[in-house]
């Protein structure tokens, strides 16, 4: 049996081009489903420096500084479906590091949400979030908040956990 050396070169090339570069992307029609699940903080940034903890130092990076307590950075965010025709369920739960006398793994905030035009998350109580990026494993949102008596845009990056 004669083996042609070119076969060994062609097969890897075909395999390389058959793989999608955007396997992690989510189409607009699948965004509702991709949003569901458990998310953990990866980054929390503001467009203006704020001093939330009152130490005299202002920061735009709230995640990699001491502006926010570690037990808050450890929280988990959940998006879940409810019944047909109902808005989804949103919650933030303590993880292993609980704050202010809370027990680990308890719900500290709950709300309803609705995905609008596949690019905004409207809540019943909390501020609306604009989706900047959504993949199967990453969610980046922006919201307008008042922190340290300053109106800021907060950008939060979540990773699906």
N, C-alpha and C. Protein backbone atom coordinates (compact mmCIF):
# COMPACT_ATOMS: atom_id res chain seq x y z
N UNK A 1 0.84 -1.16 0.00
CA UNK A 1 0.00 0.00 0.00
C UNK A 1 0.90 1.24 0.00
N UNK A 2 0.62 2.11 -0.91
CA UNK A 2 1.43 3.31 -1.04
C UNK A 2 0.75 4.48 -0.32
N UNK A 3 1.50 5.15 0.56
CA UNK A 3 0.97 6.30 1.29
C UNK A 3 1.55 7.56 0.68
N UNK A 4 0.67 8.47 0.38
CA UNK A 4 1.10 9.73 -0.21
C UNK A 4 1.38 10.75 0.89
N UNK A 5 2.56 11.32 0.90
CA UNK A 5 2.92 12.26 1.96
C UNK A 5 2.02 13.50 2.00
N UNK A 6 1.46 13.89 0.87
CA UNK A 6 0.61 15.08 0.85
C UNK A 6 -0.67 14.90 1.65
N UNK A 7 -1.13 13.66 1.84
CA UNK A 7 -2.33 13.41 2.62
C UNK A 7 -2.14 13.88 4.05
N UNK A 8 -0.94 13.68 4.58
CA UNK A 8 -0.66 14.10 5.95
C UNK A 8 -0.61 15.63 6.09
N UNK A 9 -0.35 16.32 5.00
CA UNK A 9 -0.35 17.78 5.04
C UNK A 9 -1.75 18.35 4.81
N UNK A 10 -2.51 17.74 3.95
CA UNK A 10 -3.82 18.26 3.60
C UNK A 10 -4.81 18.09 4.75
N UNK A 11 -4.79 16.93 5.41
CA UNK A 11 -5.75 16.67 6.49
C UNK A 11 -5.70 17.71 7.61
N UNK A 12 -4.53 18.06 8.15
CA UNK A 12 -4.50 19.10 9.20
C UNK A 12 -4.97 20.46 8.70
N UNK A 13 -4.68 20.78 7.45
CA UNK A 13 -5.12 22.06 6.90
C UNK A 13 -6.65 22.10 6.81
N UNK A 14 -7.25 21.02 6.33
CA UNK A 14 -8.71 20.94 6.25
C UNK A 14 -9.33 21.01 7.64
N UNK A 15 -8.73 20.33 8.58
CA UNK A 15 -9.23 20.35 9.95
C UNK A 15 -9.17 21.75 10.53
N UNK A 16 -8.08 22.45 10.26
CA UNK A 16 -7.91 23.81 10.77
C UNK A 16 -8.98 24.75 10.23
N UNK A 17 -9.24 24.69 8.93
CA UNK A 17 -10.22 25.59 8.33
C UNK A 17 -11.66 25.20 8.63
N UNK A 18 -11.90 23.97 9.03
CA UNK A 18 -13.26 23.55 9.34
C UNK A 18 -13.69 23.99 10.74
N UNK A 19 -12.73 24.36 11.59
CA UNK A 19 -13.05 24.81 12.94
C UNK A 19 -13.49 26.27 12.91
N UNK A 20 -14.52 26.60 13.65
CA UNK A 20 -14.99 27.97 13.73
C UNK A 20 -14.14 28.74 14.73
N UNK A 21 -13.81 29.97 14.39
CA UNK A 21 -13.05 30.82 15.29
C UNK A 21 -13.94 31.40 16.38
N UNK A 22 -15.24 31.46 16.14
CA UNK A 22 -16.18 32.08 17.06
C UNK A 22 -17.10 31.07 17.72
N UNK A 23 -16.56 29.95 18.18
CA UNK A 23 -17.37 28.92 18.81
C UNK A 23 -18.05 29.43 20.07
N UNK A 24 -17.56 30.49 20.64
CA UNK A 24 -18.07 31.00 21.90
C UNK A 24 -19.13 32.09 21.71
N UNK A 25 -19.36 32.53 20.46
CA UNK A 25 -20.31 33.61 20.23
C UNK A 25 -21.74 33.13 20.40
N UNK A 26 -22.61 34.09 20.67
CA UNK A 26 -24.03 33.80 20.87
C UNK A 26 -24.82 34.69 19.92
N UNK A 27 -25.69 34.10 19.13
CA UNK A 27 -26.52 34.89 18.23
C UNK A 27 -27.56 35.65 19.04
N UNK A 28 -28.11 36.71 18.45
CA UNK A 28 -29.13 37.50 19.14
C UNK A 28 -30.31 36.64 19.58
N UNK A 29 -30.70 35.69 18.75
CA UNK A 29 -31.85 34.86 19.09
C UNK A 29 -31.57 33.90 20.24
N UNK A 30 -30.30 33.64 20.55
CA UNK A 30 -29.93 32.72 21.64
C UNK A 30 -29.51 33.45 22.92
N UNK A 31 -29.58 34.77 22.93
CA UNK A 31 -29.10 35.53 24.08
C UNK A 31 -29.89 35.24 25.35
N UNK A 32 -31.19 35.07 25.23
CA UNK A 32 -32.00 34.79 26.42
C UNK A 32 -31.50 33.51 27.09
N UNK A 33 -31.27 32.49 26.31
CA UNK A 33 -30.81 31.20 26.86
C UNK A 33 -29.38 31.31 27.40
N UNK A 34 -28.52 32.06 26.72
CA UNK A 34 -27.12 32.20 27.15
C UNK A 34 -27.00 32.96 28.46
N UNK A 35 -27.95 33.83 28.74
CA UNK A 35 -27.92 34.63 29.96
C UNK A 35 -28.22 33.78 31.19
N UNK A 36 -28.95 32.71 31.03
CA UNK A 36 -29.37 31.89 32.16
C UNK A 36 -28.17 31.21 32.82
N UNK A 37 -28.22 31.13 34.14
CA UNK A 37 -27.18 30.40 34.87
C UNK A 37 -26.54 31.23 35.96
N UNK A 38 -25.42 30.73 36.42
CA UNK A 38 -24.67 31.32 37.53
C UNK A 38 -23.46 32.06 36.99
N UNK A 39 -23.28 33.31 37.44
CA UNK A 39 -22.18 34.16 36.97
C UNK A 39 -21.38 34.66 38.17
N UNK A 40 -20.07 34.79 37.99
CA UNK A 40 -19.22 35.36 39.04
C UNK A 40 -18.47 36.56 38.49
N UNK A 41 -18.18 37.53 39.38
CA UNK A 41 -17.50 38.75 38.97
C UNK A 41 -16.07 38.45 38.50
N UNK A 42 -15.68 39.13 37.43
CA UNK A 42 -14.29 39.11 36.96
C UNK A 42 -13.68 40.50 37.01
N UNK A 43 -14.54 41.51 36.86
CA UNK A 43 -14.07 42.89 36.83
C UNK A 43 -15.24 43.82 37.16
N UNK A 44 -14.96 44.89 37.90
CA UNK A 44 -15.95 45.94 38.16
C UNK A 44 -15.19 47.27 38.01
N UNK A 45 -15.57 48.03 36.99
CA UNK A 45 -14.88 49.29 36.68
C UNK A 45 -15.90 50.42 36.59
N UNK A 46 -15.44 51.64 36.87
CA UNK A 46 -16.28 52.82 36.70
C UNK A 46 -15.61 53.77 35.71
N UNK A 47 -16.40 54.66 35.13
CA UNK A 47 -15.83 55.62 34.18
C UNK A 47 -15.20 56.82 34.88
N UNK A 48 -15.43 56.96 36.19
CA UNK A 48 -14.82 58.02 37.01
C UNK A 48 -14.35 57.42 38.32
N UNK A 49 -13.28 57.95 38.83
CA UNK A 49 -12.75 57.44 40.10
C UNK A 49 -13.69 57.80 41.25
N UNK A 50 -13.91 56.84 42.13
CA UNK A 50 -14.76 57.03 43.31
C UNK A 50 -14.06 56.47 44.54
N UNK A 51 -14.46 56.97 45.69
CA UNK A 51 -13.92 56.49 46.96
C UNK A 51 -15.08 55.91 47.77
N UNK A 52 -15.42 54.67 47.50
CA UNK A 52 -16.56 54.02 48.15
C UNK A 52 -16.25 53.70 49.60
N UNK A 53 -15.04 53.25 49.88
CA UNK A 53 -14.71 52.79 51.23
C UNK A 53 -14.24 53.91 52.17
N UNK A 54 -14.15 55.14 51.66
CA UNK A 54 -13.82 56.28 52.50
C UNK A 54 -12.38 56.35 52.98
N UNK A 55 -11.46 55.71 52.27
CA UNK A 55 -10.05 55.73 52.70
C UNK A 55 -9.26 56.89 52.13
N UNK A 56 -9.93 57.79 51.39
CA UNK A 56 -9.24 58.94 50.81
C UNK A 56 -8.62 58.68 49.46
N UNK A 57 -8.67 57.44 48.96
CA UNK A 57 -8.13 57.10 47.65
C UNK A 57 -9.29 56.74 46.72
N UNK A 58 -9.32 57.42 45.58
CA UNK A 58 -10.36 57.15 44.59
C UNK A 58 -9.82 56.21 43.53
N UNK A 59 -10.68 55.34 43.05
CA UNK A 59 -10.29 54.36 42.04
C UNK A 59 -11.38 54.18 41.00
N UNK A 60 -10.98 53.77 39.81
CA UNK A 60 -11.96 53.35 38.80
C UNK A 60 -12.08 51.83 38.80
N UNK A 61 -11.04 51.15 39.24
CA UNK A 61 -11.05 49.68 39.33
C UNK A 61 -11.56 49.31 40.72
N UNK A 62 -12.79 48.87 40.79
CA UNK A 62 -13.39 48.54 42.08
C UNK A 62 -13.14 47.09 42.47
N UNK A 63 -12.73 46.27 41.53
CA UNK A 63 -12.55 44.84 41.79
C UNK A 63 -11.14 44.52 42.30
N UNK A 64 -10.13 45.13 41.71
CA UNK A 64 -8.74 44.82 42.05
C UNK A 64 -8.16 45.80 43.07
N UNK A 65 -9.03 46.52 43.76
CA UNK A 65 -8.60 47.43 44.82
C UNK A 65 -9.41 47.09 46.06
N UNK A 66 -9.26 47.90 47.09
CA UNK A 66 -10.00 47.68 48.33
C UNK A 66 -11.29 48.49 48.40
N UNK A 67 -11.75 49.06 47.27
CA UNK A 67 -12.97 49.86 47.27
C UNK A 67 -14.19 49.03 47.65
N UNK A 68 -14.23 47.79 47.22
CA UNK A 68 -15.35 46.89 47.53
C UNK A 68 -14.81 45.76 48.40
N UNK A 69 -15.56 45.40 49.43
CA UNK A 69 -15.15 44.31 50.31
C UNK A 69 -15.00 43.01 49.52
N UNK A 70 -14.05 42.20 49.94
CA UNK A 70 -13.80 40.91 49.28
C UNK A 70 -15.05 40.02 49.30
N UNK A 71 -15.81 40.08 50.38
CA UNK A 71 -17.00 39.23 50.47
C UNK A 71 -18.06 39.62 49.44
N UNK A 72 -18.07 40.86 48.97
CA UNK A 72 -18.98 41.27 47.91
C UNK A 72 -18.46 40.80 46.56
N UNK A 73 -17.16 40.89 46.35
CA UNK A 73 -16.55 40.43 45.10
C UNK A 73 -16.77 38.93 44.89
N UNK A 74 -16.99 38.21 45.99
CA UNK A 74 -17.17 36.76 45.97
C UNK A 74 -18.61 36.35 45.63
N UNK A 75 -19.55 37.32 45.62
CA UNK A 75 -20.96 37.00 45.38
C UNK A 75 -21.18 36.36 44.02
N UNK A 76 -22.26 35.59 43.93
CA UNK A 76 -22.67 34.95 42.69
C UNK A 76 -23.97 35.57 42.20
N UNK A 77 -24.08 35.78 40.91
CA UNK A 77 -25.27 36.36 40.28
C UNK A 77 -25.96 35.29 39.47
N UNK A 78 -27.29 35.21 39.59
CA UNK A 78 -28.07 34.18 38.91
C UNK A 78 -29.16 34.80 38.05
N UNK A 79 -29.31 34.26 36.85
CA UNK A 79 -30.43 34.56 35.97
C UNK A 79 -31.15 33.24 35.74
N UNK A 80 -32.46 33.21 36.00
CA UNK A 80 -33.21 31.96 35.86
C UNK A 80 -34.55 32.25 35.19
N UNK A 81 -35.09 31.23 34.55
CA UNK A 81 -36.42 31.32 33.95
C UNK A 81 -37.48 31.08 35.01
N UNK A 82 -38.63 31.65 34.77
CA UNK A 82 -39.79 31.37 35.60
C UNK A 82 -40.83 30.75 34.68
N UNK A 83 -42.07 30.86 35.01
CA UNK A 83 -43.12 30.27 34.19
C UNK A 83 -43.31 30.97 32.85
N UNK A 84 -44.02 30.32 31.97
CA UNK A 84 -44.32 30.86 30.64
C UNK A 84 -44.98 32.23 30.77
N UNK A 85 -44.48 33.22 30.07
CA UNK A 85 -45.04 34.56 30.08
C UNK A 85 -44.64 35.41 31.27
N UNK A 86 -43.83 34.89 32.18
CA UNK A 86 -43.37 35.65 33.34
C UNK A 86 -41.95 36.16 33.10
N UNK A 87 -41.62 37.27 33.75
CA UNK A 87 -40.25 37.76 33.70
C UNK A 87 -39.34 36.77 34.42
N UNK A 88 -38.06 36.79 34.06
CA UNK A 88 -37.10 35.89 34.68
C UNK A 88 -36.80 36.27 36.12
N UNK A 89 -36.15 35.37 36.83
CA UNK A 89 -35.75 35.60 38.22
C UNK A 89 -34.27 35.96 38.26
N UNK A 90 -33.96 37.01 38.98
CA UNK A 90 -32.59 37.49 39.16
C UNK A 90 -32.27 37.44 40.64
N UNK A 91 -31.09 36.97 40.98
CA UNK A 91 -30.68 36.99 42.39
C UNK A 91 -29.17 37.12 42.51
N UNK A 92 -28.77 37.68 43.65
CA UNK A 92 -27.36 37.73 44.01
C UNK A 92 -27.25 36.98 45.33
N UNK A 93 -26.34 36.02 45.38
CA UNK A 93 -26.17 35.19 46.57
C UNK A 93 -24.77 35.34 47.13
N UNK A 94 -24.70 35.27 48.46
CA UNK A 94 -23.40 35.17 49.10
C UNK A 94 -22.76 33.87 48.62
N UNK A 95 -21.48 33.88 48.46
CA UNK A 95 -20.77 32.65 48.16
C UNK A 95 -20.11 32.22 49.47
N UNK A 96 -18.92 31.68 49.43
CA UNK A 96 -18.26 31.20 50.64
C UNK A 96 -17.89 32.29 51.62
N UNK A 97 -17.61 33.51 51.11
CA UNK A 97 -17.26 34.64 51.98
C UNK A 97 -18.50 35.49 52.19
N UNK A 98 -19.17 35.34 53.30
CA UNK A 98 -20.40 36.08 53.57
C UNK A 98 -20.09 37.40 54.26
N UNK A 99 -20.88 38.43 53.97
CA UNK A 99 -20.72 39.76 54.56
C UNK A 99 -21.74 40.00 55.66
N UNK A 100 -21.37 40.88 56.59
CA UNK A 100 -22.28 41.49 57.56
C UNK A 100 -23.23 40.52 58.24
N UNK A 101 -22.73 39.43 58.74
CA UNK A 101 -23.55 38.49 59.49
C UNK A 101 -24.42 37.58 58.66
N UNK A 102 -24.36 37.69 57.33
CA UNK A 102 -25.12 36.78 56.48
C UNK A 102 -24.49 35.40 56.52
N UNK A 103 -25.28 34.41 56.25
CA UNK A 103 -24.77 33.05 56.13
C UNK A 103 -24.26 32.82 54.71
N UNK A 104 -23.20 32.03 54.53
CA UNK A 104 -22.76 31.70 53.17
C UNK A 104 -23.90 31.08 52.38
N UNK A 105 -23.92 31.38 51.10
CA UNK A 105 -24.86 30.80 50.13
C UNK A 105 -26.30 31.25 50.32
N UNK A 106 -26.51 32.38 50.99
CA UNK A 106 -27.87 32.91 51.13
C UNK A 106 -28.11 33.99 50.08
N UNK A 107 -29.38 34.17 49.73
CA UNK A 107 -29.76 35.20 48.77
C UNK A 107 -29.77 36.55 49.47
N UNK A 108 -29.04 37.52 48.91
CA UNK A 108 -29.00 38.85 49.51
C UNK A 108 -29.76 39.87 48.67
N UNK A 109 -30.08 39.52 47.44
CA UNK A 109 -30.88 40.41 46.59
C UNK A 109 -31.65 39.54 45.61
N UNK A 110 -32.92 39.87 45.41
CA UNK A 110 -33.70 39.17 44.39
C UNK A 110 -34.57 40.18 43.66
N UNK A 111 -34.83 39.89 42.41
CA UNK A 111 -35.58 40.80 41.55
C UNK A 111 -36.10 39.99 40.37
N UNK A 112 -36.85 40.64 39.52
CA UNK A 112 -37.25 40.03 38.25
C UNK A 112 -36.50 40.76 37.15
N UNK A 113 -36.39 40.13 35.99
CA UNK A 113 -35.72 40.78 34.87
C UNK A 113 -36.40 40.40 33.57
N UNK A 114 -36.15 41.24 32.57
CA UNK A 114 -36.64 40.99 31.22
C UNK A 114 -35.56 41.41 30.25
N UNK A 115 -35.25 40.56 29.29
CA UNK A 115 -34.28 40.89 28.24
C UNK A 115 -35.03 41.66 27.15
N UNK A 116 -34.60 42.88 26.89
CA UNK A 116 -35.28 43.75 25.92
C UNK A 116 -34.36 43.96 24.73
N UNK A 117 -34.89 43.67 23.53
CA UNK A 117 -34.15 43.85 22.27
C UNK A 117 -32.80 43.13 22.27
N UNK A 118 -32.69 42.10 23.07
CA UNK A 118 -31.46 41.29 23.16
C UNK A 118 -30.23 42.08 23.56
N UNK A 119 -30.41 43.32 24.07
CA UNK A 119 -29.23 44.10 24.45
C UNK A 119 -29.40 44.89 25.75
N UNK A 120 -30.56 44.77 26.40
CA UNK A 120 -30.78 45.45 27.66
C UNK A 120 -31.46 44.49 28.63
N UNK A 121 -31.08 44.58 29.89
CA UNK A 121 -31.72 43.79 30.94
C UNK A 121 -32.44 44.79 31.83
N UNK A 122 -33.77 44.75 31.78
CA UNK A 122 -34.59 45.63 32.60
C UNK A 122 -35.04 44.85 33.83
N UNK A 123 -34.91 45.48 34.99
CA UNK A 123 -35.25 44.84 36.26
C UNK A 123 -36.50 45.48 36.84
N UNK A 124 -37.10 44.80 37.79
CA UNK A 124 -38.25 45.35 38.49
C UNK A 124 -37.85 46.47 39.44
N UNK A 125 -36.68 46.34 40.10
CA UNK A 125 -36.26 47.30 41.12
C UNK A 125 -34.92 47.97 40.78
N UNK A 126 -33.93 47.20 40.46
CA UNK A 126 -32.58 47.74 40.30
C UNK A 126 -32.40 48.44 38.95
N UNK A 127 -31.28 49.11 38.76
CA UNK A 127 -30.98 49.84 37.53
C UNK A 127 -30.84 48.91 36.35
N UNK A 128 -31.27 49.37 35.21
CA UNK A 128 -31.16 48.61 33.96
C UNK A 128 -29.69 48.40 33.59
N UNK A 129 -29.40 47.27 32.96
CA UNK A 129 -28.05 46.97 32.48
C UNK A 129 -28.07 46.88 30.96
N UNK A 130 -27.09 47.49 30.34
CA UNK A 130 -26.92 47.38 28.90
C UNK A 130 -25.88 46.29 28.63
N UNK A 131 -26.22 45.33 27.79
CA UNK A 131 -25.28 44.24 27.48
C UNK A 131 -24.28 44.75 26.44
N UNK A 132 -23.02 44.76 26.82
CA UNK A 132 -21.94 45.19 25.93
C UNK A 132 -21.35 43.99 25.18
N UNK A 133 -21.33 42.82 25.85
CA UNK A 133 -20.80 41.59 25.25
C UNK A 133 -21.45 40.41 25.96
N UNK A 134 -21.83 39.42 25.18
CA UNK A 134 -22.38 38.19 25.75
C UNK A 134 -21.92 37.02 24.90
N UNK A 135 -21.13 36.14 25.52
CA UNK A 135 -20.73 34.89 24.89
C UNK A 135 -21.24 33.77 25.78
N UNK A 136 -20.90 32.56 25.45
CA UNK A 136 -21.35 31.43 26.26
C UNK A 136 -20.78 31.48 27.67
N UNK A 137 -19.61 32.13 27.84
CA UNK A 137 -18.93 32.12 29.14
C UNK A 137 -18.63 33.50 29.71
N UNK A 138 -19.01 34.56 28.99
CA UNK A 138 -18.66 35.91 29.43
C UNK A 138 -19.84 36.86 29.22
N UNK A 139 -20.08 37.69 30.21
CA UNK A 139 -21.13 38.71 30.14
C UNK A 139 -20.52 40.03 30.60
N UNK A 140 -20.61 41.06 29.75
CA UNK A 140 -20.15 42.39 30.10
C UNK A 140 -21.36 43.32 30.03
N UNK A 141 -21.64 44.00 31.15
CA UNK A 141 -22.79 44.90 31.21
C UNK A 141 -22.36 46.26 31.72
N UNK A 142 -23.15 47.28 31.36
CA UNK A 142 -22.96 48.63 31.88
C UNK A 142 -24.24 49.09 32.52
N UNK A 143 -24.12 49.83 33.61
CA UNK A 143 -25.29 50.45 34.24
C UNK A 143 -24.89 51.81 34.79
N UNK A 144 -25.86 52.70 34.90
CA UNK A 144 -25.61 54.02 35.47
C UNK A 144 -25.97 53.95 36.95
N UNK A 145 -25.03 54.35 37.79
CA UNK A 145 -25.20 54.26 39.24
C UNK A 145 -24.70 55.54 39.89
N UNK A 146 -25.07 55.75 41.13
CA UNK A 146 -24.52 56.84 41.93
C UNK A 146 -23.68 56.21 43.04
N UNK A 147 -22.37 56.44 42.99
CA UNK A 147 -21.44 55.91 43.98
C UNK A 147 -20.63 57.08 44.54
N UNK A 148 -20.46 57.15 45.83
CA UNK A 148 -19.70 58.23 46.46
C UNK A 148 -20.25 59.59 46.03
N UNK A 149 -21.58 59.70 45.94
CA UNK A 149 -22.27 60.92 45.49
C UNK A 149 -21.86 61.37 44.10
N UNK A 150 -21.42 60.42 43.27
CA UNK A 150 -20.99 60.71 41.90
C UNK A 150 -21.75 59.81 40.95
N UNK A 151 -22.32 60.39 39.89
CA UNK A 151 -22.97 59.58 38.85
C UNK A 151 -21.89 58.96 37.98
N UNK A 152 -21.90 57.64 37.90
CA UNK A 152 -20.87 56.92 37.15
C UNK A 152 -21.53 55.85 36.29
N UNK A 153 -20.78 55.42 35.29
CA UNK A 153 -21.15 54.24 34.53
C UNK A 153 -20.30 53.10 35.05
N UNK A 154 -20.95 52.06 35.53
CA UNK A 154 -20.25 50.89 36.07
C UNK A 154 -20.26 49.81 35.01
N UNK A 155 -19.09 49.28 34.71
CA UNK A 155 -18.95 48.17 33.77
C UNK A 155 -18.55 46.94 34.55
N UNK A 156 -19.39 45.92 34.48
CA UNK A 156 -19.13 44.67 35.19
C UNK A 156 -18.90 43.56 34.18
N UNK A 157 -17.84 42.82 34.38
CA UNK A 157 -17.56 41.64 33.58
C UNK A 157 -17.77 40.42 34.46
N UNK A 158 -18.64 39.53 33.97
CA UNK A 158 -18.93 38.27 34.65
C UNK A 158 -18.35 37.12 33.85
N UNK A 159 -18.03 36.05 34.55
CA UNK A 159 -17.67 34.79 33.91
C UNK A 159 -18.68 33.75 34.37
N UNK A 160 -19.15 32.92 33.45
CA UNK A 160 -20.10 31.89 33.82
C UNK A 160 -19.37 30.85 34.67
N UNK A 161 -20.00 30.46 35.77
CA UNK A 161 -19.35 29.50 36.64
C UNK A 161 -20.16 28.23 36.77
